[in-house]
N, C-alpha and C. Protein backbone atom coordinates (compact mmCIF):
# COMPACT_ATOMS: atom_id res chain seq x y z
N MET A 1 171.41 -91.05 -84.77
CA MET A 1 171.15 -89.76 -84.18
C MET A 1 170.07 -89.83 -83.10
N VAL A 2 169.51 -91.01 -82.93
CA VAL A 2 168.51 -91.19 -81.87
C VAL A 2 169.12 -90.85 -80.52
N GLU A 3 170.39 -91.20 -80.33
CA GLU A 3 171.07 -90.91 -79.07
C GLU A 3 171.10 -89.40 -78.80
N LEU A 4 171.38 -88.60 -79.82
CA LEU A 4 171.42 -87.15 -79.67
C LEU A 4 170.05 -86.61 -79.25
N VAL A 5 169.01 -87.07 -79.92
CA VAL A 5 167.65 -86.61 -79.64
C VAL A 5 167.27 -86.95 -78.20
N GLU A 6 167.56 -88.17 -77.78
CA GLU A 6 167.21 -88.61 -76.42
C GLU A 6 168.07 -87.92 -75.37
N ARG A 7 169.35 -87.80 -75.62
CA ARG A 7 170.30 -87.22 -74.66
C ARG A 7 169.96 -85.78 -74.30
N PHE A 8 169.50 -85.01 -75.28
CA PHE A 8 169.22 -83.59 -75.04
C PHE A 8 167.72 -83.29 -75.00
N GLY A 9 166.89 -84.32 -74.93
CA GLY A 9 165.45 -84.12 -74.82
C GLY A 9 164.87 -83.33 -75.98
N MET A 10 165.35 -83.63 -77.18
CA MET A 10 164.91 -82.88 -78.36
C MET A 10 163.57 -83.40 -78.86
N LYS A 11 162.82 -82.47 -79.45
CA LYS A 11 161.54 -82.82 -80.06
C LYS A 11 161.57 -82.39 -81.52
N LYS A 12 160.89 -83.18 -82.35
CA LYS A 12 160.83 -82.83 -83.77
C LYS A 12 159.98 -81.58 -83.94
N LEU A 13 160.46 -80.66 -84.76
CA LEU A 13 159.76 -79.41 -85.02
C LEU A 13 158.45 -79.68 -85.74
N ASP A 14 157.39 -79.04 -85.31
CA ASP A 14 156.08 -79.17 -85.95
C ASP A 14 156.19 -78.63 -87.38
N GLU A 15 156.07 -79.53 -88.36
CA GLU A 15 156.31 -79.16 -89.76
C GLU A 15 155.31 -78.15 -90.30
N GLU A 16 154.06 -78.27 -89.88
CA GLU A 16 153.05 -77.33 -90.37
C GLU A 16 153.21 -75.96 -89.73
N LYS A 17 153.35 -75.93 -88.44
CA LYS A 17 153.48 -74.66 -87.70
C LYS A 17 154.71 -73.86 -88.13
N HIS A 18 155.82 -74.56 -88.37
CA HIS A 18 157.08 -73.89 -88.71
C HIS A 18 157.39 -73.90 -90.20
N LYS A 19 156.41 -74.34 -91.01
CA LYS A 19 156.55 -74.36 -92.47
C LYS A 19 157.83 -75.06 -92.91
N VAL A 20 158.10 -76.22 -92.32
CA VAL A 20 159.30 -76.99 -92.63
C VAL A 20 159.16 -77.61 -94.01
N ARG A 21 160.20 -77.44 -94.83
CA ARG A 21 160.19 -78.07 -96.17
C ARG A 21 161.61 -78.41 -96.58
N LYS A 22 161.71 -79.49 -97.32
CA LYS A 22 163.02 -79.93 -97.82
C LYS A 22 163.24 -79.28 -99.19
N LEU A 23 164.40 -78.66 -99.35
CA LEU A 23 164.73 -78.00 -100.61
C LEU A 23 165.36 -79.00 -101.58
N PRO A 24 165.34 -78.71 -102.90
CA PRO A 24 165.90 -79.64 -103.88
C PRO A 24 167.38 -79.99 -103.64
N ASP A 25 168.13 -79.08 -103.01
CA ASP A 25 169.55 -79.35 -102.76
C ASP A 25 169.81 -80.12 -101.47
N GLY A 26 168.73 -80.55 -100.78
CA GLY A 26 168.89 -81.36 -99.57
C GLY A 26 168.83 -80.56 -98.27
N ARG A 27 168.91 -79.25 -98.37
CA ARG A 27 168.82 -78.43 -97.16
C ARG A 27 167.37 -78.36 -96.70
N ILE A 28 167.19 -77.91 -95.47
CA ILE A 28 165.86 -77.83 -94.88
C ILE A 28 165.57 -76.37 -94.55
N ALA A 29 164.41 -75.88 -94.97
CA ALA A 29 163.98 -74.51 -94.68
C ALA A 29 162.86 -74.57 -93.65
N PHE A 30 162.87 -73.62 -92.72
CA PHE A 30 161.80 -73.52 -91.74
C PHE A 30 161.75 -72.10 -91.20
N ARG A 31 160.70 -71.80 -90.48
CA ARG A 31 160.48 -70.45 -89.96
C ARG A 31 160.31 -70.52 -88.44
N ILE A 32 160.94 -69.56 -87.75
CA ILE A 32 160.75 -69.49 -86.31
C ILE A 32 160.25 -68.10 -85.93
N TRP A 33 159.50 -68.06 -84.85
CA TRP A 33 158.99 -66.81 -84.32
C TRP A 33 159.80 -66.49 -83.08
N LEU A 34 160.48 -65.34 -83.08
CA LEU A 34 161.32 -64.96 -81.95
C LEU A 34 160.51 -64.39 -80.80
N GLY A 35 159.34 -63.93 -81.07
CA GLY A 35 158.49 -63.40 -80.01
C GLY A 35 158.46 -61.89 -80.00
N ASP A 36 157.82 -61.36 -79.00
CA ASP A 36 157.69 -59.92 -78.82
C ASP A 36 158.87 -59.41 -78.01
N GLY A 37 159.75 -58.67 -78.64
CA GLY A 37 160.95 -58.18 -77.98
C GLY A 37 160.67 -57.31 -76.77
N ARG A 38 159.48 -56.73 -76.71
CA ARG A 38 159.12 -55.90 -75.55
C ARG A 38 158.89 -56.75 -74.31
N LYS A 39 158.66 -58.04 -74.49
CA LYS A 39 158.42 -58.94 -73.35
C LYS A 39 159.67 -59.75 -73.00
N ALA A 40 160.81 -59.38 -73.54
CA ALA A 40 162.07 -60.06 -73.25
C ALA A 40 162.98 -59.10 -72.49
N THR A 41 164.00 -59.64 -71.86
CA THR A 41 164.92 -58.80 -71.10
C THR A 41 166.20 -58.49 -71.87
N SER A 42 166.31 -58.99 -73.08
CA SER A 42 167.44 -58.65 -73.95
C SER A 42 167.00 -58.79 -75.40
N LYS A 43 167.88 -58.45 -76.33
CA LYS A 43 167.57 -58.51 -77.76
C LYS A 43 167.33 -59.95 -78.20
N LEU A 44 166.39 -60.13 -79.11
CA LEU A 44 166.08 -61.45 -79.67
C LEU A 44 166.86 -61.63 -80.97
N TRP A 45 167.44 -62.83 -81.18
CA TRP A 45 168.25 -63.05 -82.37
C TRP A 45 168.35 -64.54 -82.66
N ALA A 46 168.81 -64.86 -83.88
CA ALA A 46 169.06 -66.24 -84.29
C ALA A 46 170.38 -66.28 -85.04
N ARG A 47 171.15 -67.35 -84.82
CA ARG A 47 172.48 -67.44 -85.41
C ARG A 47 172.83 -68.90 -85.71
N LYS A 48 173.37 -69.12 -86.92
CA LYS A 48 173.89 -70.45 -87.26
C LYS A 48 175.22 -70.60 -86.51
N VAL A 49 175.42 -71.74 -85.86
CA VAL A 49 176.60 -71.93 -85.03
C VAL A 49 177.58 -72.86 -85.74
N ARG A 50 178.76 -72.33 -86.01
CA ARG A 50 179.83 -73.13 -86.60
C ARG A 50 180.84 -73.58 -85.55
N LYS A 51 180.97 -72.77 -84.50
CA LYS A 51 181.97 -73.03 -83.46
C LYS A 51 181.50 -72.36 -82.17
N VAL A 52 181.91 -72.92 -81.02
CA VAL A 52 181.57 -72.35 -79.73
C VAL A 52 182.85 -72.03 -78.97
N ASP A 53 182.92 -70.83 -78.43
CA ASP A 53 184.05 -70.41 -77.59
C ASP A 53 183.58 -70.45 -76.15
N THR A 54 183.91 -71.53 -75.42
CA THR A 54 183.40 -71.71 -74.06
C THR A 54 184.07 -70.78 -73.05
N SER A 55 185.02 -69.97 -73.47
CA SER A 55 185.62 -69.00 -72.55
C SER A 55 184.74 -67.76 -72.41
N LYS A 56 183.74 -67.62 -73.28
CA LYS A 56 182.84 -66.47 -73.23
C LYS A 56 181.55 -66.87 -72.52
N GLU A 57 180.87 -65.89 -71.94
CA GLU A 57 179.72 -66.19 -71.08
C GLU A 57 178.42 -65.56 -71.57
N ASN A 58 178.34 -65.29 -72.87
CA ASN A 58 177.12 -64.69 -73.42
C ASN A 58 177.01 -65.11 -74.89
N GLY A 59 176.17 -64.43 -75.64
CA GLY A 59 175.94 -64.79 -77.04
C GLY A 59 177.16 -64.69 -77.93
N TYR A 60 178.19 -63.96 -77.48
CA TYR A 60 179.43 -63.86 -78.26
C TYR A 60 180.19 -65.19 -78.28
N ALA A 61 179.77 -66.16 -77.50
CA ALA A 61 180.41 -67.48 -77.50
C ALA A 61 180.12 -68.24 -78.80
N PHE A 62 179.07 -67.85 -79.51
CA PHE A 62 178.67 -68.56 -80.71
C PHE A 62 179.24 -67.88 -81.95
N GLU A 63 180.00 -68.64 -82.73
CA GLU A 63 180.59 -68.12 -83.96
C GLU A 63 179.80 -68.63 -85.15
N GLY A 64 179.44 -67.71 -86.04
CA GLY A 64 178.65 -68.05 -87.22
C GLY A 64 177.81 -66.86 -87.62
N GLU A 65 177.08 -67.01 -88.71
CA GLU A 65 176.34 -65.85 -89.22
C GLU A 65 174.96 -65.73 -88.60
N PHE A 66 174.52 -64.47 -88.48
CA PHE A 66 173.19 -64.16 -87.96
C PHE A 66 172.15 -64.31 -89.07
N PHE A 67 170.94 -64.63 -88.66
CA PHE A 67 169.80 -64.64 -89.58
C PHE A 67 169.04 -63.34 -89.39
N LYS A 68 168.56 -62.80 -90.49
CA LYS A 68 167.79 -61.55 -90.44
C LYS A 68 166.42 -61.84 -89.84
N SER A 69 166.00 -60.94 -88.96
CA SER A 69 164.67 -61.03 -88.37
C SER A 69 163.82 -59.91 -88.94
N TYR A 70 162.59 -60.23 -89.29
CA TYR A 70 161.67 -59.22 -89.76
C TYR A 70 161.08 -58.56 -88.52
N GLU A 71 161.66 -57.43 -88.13
CA GLU A 71 161.36 -56.77 -86.86
C GLU A 71 159.87 -56.60 -86.57
N LYS A 72 159.10 -56.24 -87.57
CA LYS A 72 157.68 -56.00 -87.33
C LYS A 72 156.98 -57.27 -86.81
N TYR A 73 157.39 -58.42 -87.35
CA TYR A 73 156.73 -59.67 -86.99
C TYR A 73 157.61 -60.57 -86.13
N HIS A 74 158.89 -60.24 -85.97
CA HIS A 74 159.83 -61.04 -85.19
C HIS A 74 159.88 -62.49 -85.68
N VAL A 75 159.89 -62.63 -87.00
CA VAL A 75 159.94 -63.93 -87.65
C VAL A 75 161.28 -64.05 -88.36
N THR A 76 161.86 -65.24 -88.32
CA THR A 76 163.13 -65.47 -88.99
C THR A 76 163.02 -66.73 -89.83
N ASP A 77 163.44 -66.63 -91.09
CA ASP A 77 163.50 -67.80 -91.98
C ASP A 77 164.88 -68.41 -91.88
N ILE A 78 164.93 -69.73 -91.68
CA ILE A 78 166.18 -70.45 -91.48
C ILE A 78 166.34 -71.48 -92.60
N ILE A 79 167.56 -71.64 -93.10
CA ILE A 79 167.87 -72.72 -94.04
C ILE A 79 169.13 -73.40 -93.52
N LEU A 80 169.01 -74.72 -93.29
CA LEU A 80 170.13 -75.50 -92.74
C LEU A 80 170.37 -76.75 -93.58
N ALA A 81 171.64 -77.11 -93.69
CA ALA A 81 172.00 -78.42 -94.24
C ALA A 81 171.92 -79.42 -93.08
N PRO A 82 171.75 -80.71 -93.38
CA PRO A 82 171.75 -81.69 -92.30
C PRO A 82 173.03 -81.56 -91.44
N TYR A 83 172.84 -81.69 -90.13
CA TYR A 83 173.90 -81.65 -89.10
C TYR A 83 174.38 -80.23 -88.81
N GLU A 84 173.62 -79.22 -89.23
CA GLU A 84 173.93 -77.85 -88.84
C GLU A 84 173.04 -77.44 -87.67
N VAL A 85 173.52 -76.44 -86.92
CA VAL A 85 172.85 -76.01 -85.69
C VAL A 85 172.56 -74.51 -85.74
N VAL A 86 171.39 -74.13 -85.24
CA VAL A 86 171.03 -72.72 -85.08
C VAL A 86 170.61 -72.53 -83.63
N VAL A 87 171.06 -71.43 -83.03
CA VAL A 87 170.57 -71.04 -81.72
C VAL A 87 169.75 -69.77 -81.89
N ALA A 88 168.70 -69.63 -81.10
CA ALA A 88 167.84 -68.44 -81.18
C ALA A 88 167.41 -68.03 -79.78
N VAL A 89 167.61 -66.77 -79.46
CA VAL A 89 167.10 -66.22 -78.22
C VAL A 89 165.68 -65.75 -78.51
N VAL A 90 164.71 -66.37 -77.85
CA VAL A 90 163.31 -66.07 -78.10
C VAL A 90 162.61 -65.61 -76.83
N GLN A 91 161.59 -64.81 -77.01
CA GLN A 91 160.81 -64.29 -75.89
C GLN A 91 160.07 -65.42 -75.20
N ASP A 92 160.14 -65.44 -73.88
CA ASP A 92 159.48 -66.49 -73.10
C ASP A 92 158.97 -65.87 -71.80
N GLY A 93 158.24 -64.80 -71.94
CA GLY A 93 157.75 -64.12 -70.75
C GLY A 93 156.46 -63.39 -71.05
N SER A 94 156.06 -62.59 -70.10
CA SER A 94 154.82 -61.82 -70.23
C SER A 94 155.13 -60.36 -69.94
N TRP A 95 154.11 -59.52 -70.03
CA TRP A 95 154.31 -58.11 -69.69
C TRP A 95 154.74 -57.98 -68.24
N LYS A 96 154.17 -58.79 -67.37
CA LYS A 96 154.48 -58.70 -65.95
C LYS A 96 155.82 -59.34 -65.60
N HIS A 97 156.15 -60.42 -66.30
CA HIS A 97 157.39 -61.16 -66.03
C HIS A 97 158.15 -61.39 -67.34
N PRO A 98 158.84 -60.35 -67.84
CA PRO A 98 159.58 -60.51 -69.11
C PRO A 98 160.73 -61.50 -68.96
N GLY A 99 161.06 -62.17 -70.05
CA GLY A 99 162.16 -63.13 -70.03
C GLY A 99 162.41 -63.72 -71.39
N GLN A 100 163.41 -64.58 -71.47
CA GLN A 100 163.70 -65.27 -72.71
C GLN A 100 164.36 -66.61 -72.44
N ARG A 101 164.37 -67.42 -73.49
CA ARG A 101 165.04 -68.72 -73.45
C ARG A 101 165.85 -68.84 -74.73
N MET A 102 166.70 -69.85 -74.79
CA MET A 102 167.43 -70.13 -76.02
C MET A 102 166.90 -71.44 -76.58
N ASP A 103 166.44 -71.40 -77.82
CA ASP A 103 166.06 -72.61 -78.54
C ASP A 103 167.24 -73.04 -79.38
N ILE A 104 167.52 -74.33 -79.36
CA ILE A 104 168.64 -74.90 -80.12
C ILE A 104 168.03 -75.83 -81.18
N PHE A 105 168.20 -75.46 -82.44
CA PHE A 105 167.65 -76.22 -83.57
C PHE A 105 168.75 -77.02 -84.23
N VAL A 106 168.48 -78.31 -84.48
CA VAL A 106 169.45 -79.19 -85.14
C VAL A 106 168.77 -79.83 -86.33
N ALA A 107 169.38 -79.68 -87.51
CA ALA A 107 168.86 -80.31 -88.72
C ALA A 107 169.46 -81.71 -88.82
N LEU A 108 168.61 -82.71 -88.95
CA LEU A 108 169.04 -84.09 -89.16
C LEU A 108 168.45 -84.56 -90.48
N ASP A 109 168.78 -85.78 -90.88
CA ASP A 109 168.30 -86.28 -92.16
C ASP A 109 166.78 -86.34 -92.27
N ASP A 110 166.11 -86.59 -91.15
CA ASP A 110 164.66 -86.76 -91.18
C ASP A 110 163.88 -85.53 -90.72
N GLY A 111 164.55 -84.39 -90.55
CA GLY A 111 163.85 -83.17 -90.15
C GLY A 111 164.65 -82.32 -89.19
N VAL A 112 163.96 -81.37 -88.58
CA VAL A 112 164.60 -80.43 -87.65
C VAL A 112 164.11 -80.74 -86.24
N TYR A 113 165.04 -80.76 -85.29
CA TYR A 113 164.73 -81.03 -83.90
C TYR A 113 165.10 -79.81 -83.07
N VAL A 114 164.43 -79.66 -81.93
CA VAL A 114 164.66 -78.49 -81.09
C VAL A 114 164.69 -78.89 -79.61
N THR A 115 165.52 -78.20 -78.87
CA THR A 115 165.54 -78.28 -77.41
C THR A 115 165.72 -76.86 -76.90
N SER A 116 165.33 -76.62 -75.67
CA SER A 116 165.39 -75.26 -75.12
C SER A 116 166.13 -75.23 -73.80
N SER A 117 166.69 -74.06 -73.51
CA SER A 117 167.36 -73.80 -72.23
C SER A 117 167.03 -72.39 -71.80
N ARG A 118 167.03 -72.16 -70.50
CA ARG A 118 166.83 -70.81 -69.99
C ARG A 118 168.02 -69.95 -70.42
N TRP A 119 167.78 -68.65 -70.67
CA TRP A 119 168.83 -67.74 -71.15
C TRP A 119 168.64 -66.38 -70.48
N GLU A 120 168.75 -66.37 -69.16
CA GLU A 120 168.58 -65.10 -68.45
C GLU A 120 169.76 -64.81 -67.53
N THR A 121 170.08 -65.72 -66.63
CA THR A 121 171.19 -65.48 -65.69
C THR A 121 172.51 -65.90 -66.31
N LYS A 122 173.59 -65.43 -65.70
CA LYS A 122 174.93 -65.79 -66.18
C LYS A 122 175.13 -67.31 -66.14
N ALA A 123 174.69 -67.94 -65.06
CA ALA A 123 174.84 -69.40 -64.92
C ALA A 123 174.06 -70.14 -66.01
N GLU A 124 172.84 -69.69 -66.30
CA GLU A 124 172.03 -70.33 -67.34
C GLU A 124 172.69 -70.20 -68.70
N LYS A 125 173.28 -69.03 -68.96
CA LYS A 125 173.95 -68.82 -70.24
C LYS A 125 175.17 -69.73 -70.37
N ILE A 126 175.96 -69.86 -69.31
CA ILE A 126 177.15 -70.73 -69.35
C ILE A 126 176.73 -72.18 -69.58
N GLU A 127 175.70 -72.64 -68.86
CA GLU A 127 175.21 -74.01 -69.04
C GLU A 127 174.76 -74.24 -70.49
N THR A 128 174.07 -73.28 -71.05
CA THR A 128 173.57 -73.41 -72.42
C THR A 128 174.71 -73.41 -73.42
N ILE A 129 175.71 -72.57 -73.22
CA ILE A 129 176.88 -72.54 -74.11
C ILE A 129 177.56 -73.90 -74.13
N TYR A 130 177.73 -74.52 -72.98
CA TYR A 130 178.35 -75.85 -72.92
C TYR A 130 177.45 -76.91 -73.56
N LYS A 131 176.14 -76.76 -73.42
CA LYS A 131 175.19 -77.70 -74.04
C LYS A 131 175.31 -77.63 -75.57
N VAL A 132 175.34 -76.42 -76.13
CA VAL A 132 175.47 -76.26 -77.58
C VAL A 132 176.81 -76.82 -78.04
N ASN A 133 177.86 -76.57 -77.29
CA ASN A 133 179.18 -77.11 -77.64
C ASN A 133 179.16 -78.63 -77.66
N GLU A 134 178.49 -79.22 -76.69
CA GLU A 134 178.38 -80.68 -76.63
C GLU A 134 177.60 -81.23 -77.83
N ILE A 135 176.54 -80.54 -78.22
CA ILE A 135 175.75 -80.96 -79.38
C ILE A 135 176.61 -80.89 -80.65
N LEU A 136 177.34 -79.79 -80.83
CA LEU A 136 178.22 -79.66 -82.01
C LEU A 136 179.28 -80.75 -82.04
N ASN A 137 179.91 -81.01 -80.89
CA ASN A 137 180.92 -82.07 -80.82
C ASN A 137 180.33 -83.43 -81.17
N PHE A 138 179.12 -83.70 -80.67
CA PHE A 138 178.45 -84.96 -80.98
C PHE A 138 178.21 -85.08 -82.49
N LEU A 139 177.67 -84.01 -83.08
CA LEU A 139 177.40 -84.04 -84.53
C LEU A 139 178.68 -84.22 -85.35
N ASN A 140 179.74 -83.53 -84.97
CA ASN A 140 181.01 -83.64 -85.71
C ASN A 140 181.65 -85.01 -85.58
N SER A 141 181.44 -85.69 -84.46
CA SER A 141 182.04 -87.00 -84.29
C SER A 141 181.17 -88.14 -84.82
N ASN A 142 179.93 -87.84 -85.20
CA ASN A 142 179.02 -88.90 -85.65
C ASN A 142 178.48 -88.67 -87.06
N LYS A 143 179.14 -87.88 -87.86
CA LYS A 143 178.66 -87.64 -89.24
C LYS A 143 178.85 -88.85 -90.09
């Protein structure tokens, strides 16, 4: 899986900051902060991705279940089995320049890795959708 990490410029998730822990059943639990929705240009959300529909040009391209966000704190608890993927639209802006990005989380045997892409323009969304599809295809062909 070193190839996947290098190919997509992934970094290992900070275990202390994100409260990463391995569960007795082998799954990995961690916490992400989606940010302040008032400083984003669209709704913030996180979703486990089982399949990608590249004919769509927005968040509807990702098939899978949503994770509940605690609105007051914009925190989401995630539980993934190894080789599962979560995408999250998170705030990446300020009061003066609101915006967001998409973080792509991948659970591997030795922890959780993350890479990010811009998620504002139509072109950025299409590029990110294809990137997530490529990651899923890589994981499915290398299990």
